[in-house]
Protein backbone atom coordinates (compact mmCIF):
# COMPACT_ATOMS: atom_id res chain seq x y z
CA MET A 1 -85.67 -22.37 -107.82
CA LYS A 2 -85.40 -20.03 -110.80
CA GLN A 3 -87.52 -17.39 -109.05
CA GLN A 4 -85.28 -17.49 -105.96
CA ILE A 5 -82.17 -16.99 -108.08
CA ILE A 6 -83.83 -14.00 -109.74
CA GLU A 7 -84.65 -12.54 -106.32
CA ASN A 8 -81.03 -13.04 -105.25
CA ILE A 9 -79.85 -11.25 -108.38
CA LYS A 10 -82.17 -8.33 -107.67
CA GLU A 11 -80.78 -8.06 -104.14
CA LEU A 12 -77.21 -8.11 -105.40
CA ILE A 13 -77.95 -5.31 -107.85
CA LYS A 14 -79.35 -3.03 -105.14
CA ILE A 15 -77.27 -0.18 -103.83
CA ASN A 16 -79.84 1.18 -101.42
CA PRO A 17 -81.71 -1.42 -99.28
CA GLU A 18 -85.03 0.41 -99.82
CA GLU A 19 -84.55 0.35 -103.58
CA THR A 20 -86.85 -1.80 -105.70
CA ILE A 21 -85.27 -3.54 -108.64
CA GLU A 22 -87.44 -4.66 -111.52
CA ILE A 23 -86.09 -6.77 -114.34
CA ASN A 24 -88.10 -7.34 -117.49
CA PRO A 25 -89.63 -10.83 -117.07
CA LYS A 26 -89.32 -11.56 -120.78
CA TYR A 27 -85.60 -10.92 -120.51
CA LEU A 28 -85.32 -13.34 -117.58
CA GLU A 29 -87.23 -16.07 -119.40
CA TYR A 30 -84.39 -16.13 -121.89
CA PHE A 31 -82.00 -17.58 -119.26
CA ASP A 32 -82.04 -21.06 -117.82
CA GLU A 33 -81.19 -21.77 -114.16
CA GLU A 34 -77.53 -22.45 -114.85
CA GLU A 35 -77.09 -19.13 -116.62
CA LEU A 36 -78.90 -17.29 -113.85
CA LEU A 37 -76.67 -18.96 -111.26
CA ASP A 38 -73.65 -17.81 -113.24
CA ILE A 39 -74.98 -14.24 -113.28
CA GLN A 40 -75.59 -14.45 -109.54
CA LYS A 41 -72.07 -15.72 -108.90
CA LYS A 42 -70.53 -12.95 -111.01
CA LEU A 43 -72.54 -10.32 -109.14
CA GLU A 44 -71.48 -11.79 -105.78
CA THR A 45 -67.84 -11.75 -106.85
CA ARG A 46 -68.09 -8.19 -108.12
CA LYS A 47 -69.79 -7.03 -104.91
CA ASN A 48 -67.10 -8.71 -102.79
CA ASP A 49 -64.34 -7.19 -104.92
CA ILE A 50 -65.82 -3.72 -104.59
CA SER A 51 -66.16 -4.19 -100.85
CA GLN A 52 -62.52 -5.28 -100.58
CA ILE A 53 -61.33 -2.32 -102.67
CA SER A 54 -63.35 0.04 -100.46
CA ASN A 55 -61.91 -1.51 -97.30
CA ASN A 56 -58.36 -1.23 -98.64
CA TYR A 57 -58.95 2.39 -99.57
CA LEU A 58 -60.36 3.19 -96.12
CA ASP A 59 -57.41 1.45 -94.47
CA GLU A 60 -55.03 3.50 -96.57
CA ILE A 61 -56.75 6.74 -95.59
CA TYR A 62 -56.70 5.71 -91.95
CA GLN A 63 -52.97 4.97 -92.09
CA LYS A 64 -52.31 8.38 -93.66
CA THR A 65 -54.32 10.18 -90.99
CA LYS A 66 -52.45 8.26 -88.30
CA LYS A 67 -49.14 9.44 -89.75
CA ASP A 68 -50.39 13.03 -89.83
CA GLU A 69 -51.24 12.89 -86.11
CA ILE A 70 -47.71 11.88 -85.11
C-alpha cells in the first residue's frame, strides 16, 4: 500500500508525462501511510486548483477574443 501511494505522489508531481520522478527512499521511509496519503491528497487538491485556475484564465481570454470579433 505504501509503495502505491508513493507512486501516486510521483505521478502527481510530474509535469511532463515522460518525466521520471525520483524521491530519496530514505526521505520516504520517514513518513507513515497516513502522512503519505495526506501528501497525496494535498497534491491532488493543488493540481485540481491549478487546472481550474488555468481553465478560468482560458475562458476569460476566449471571452475577450469573442468581444474583439464583434
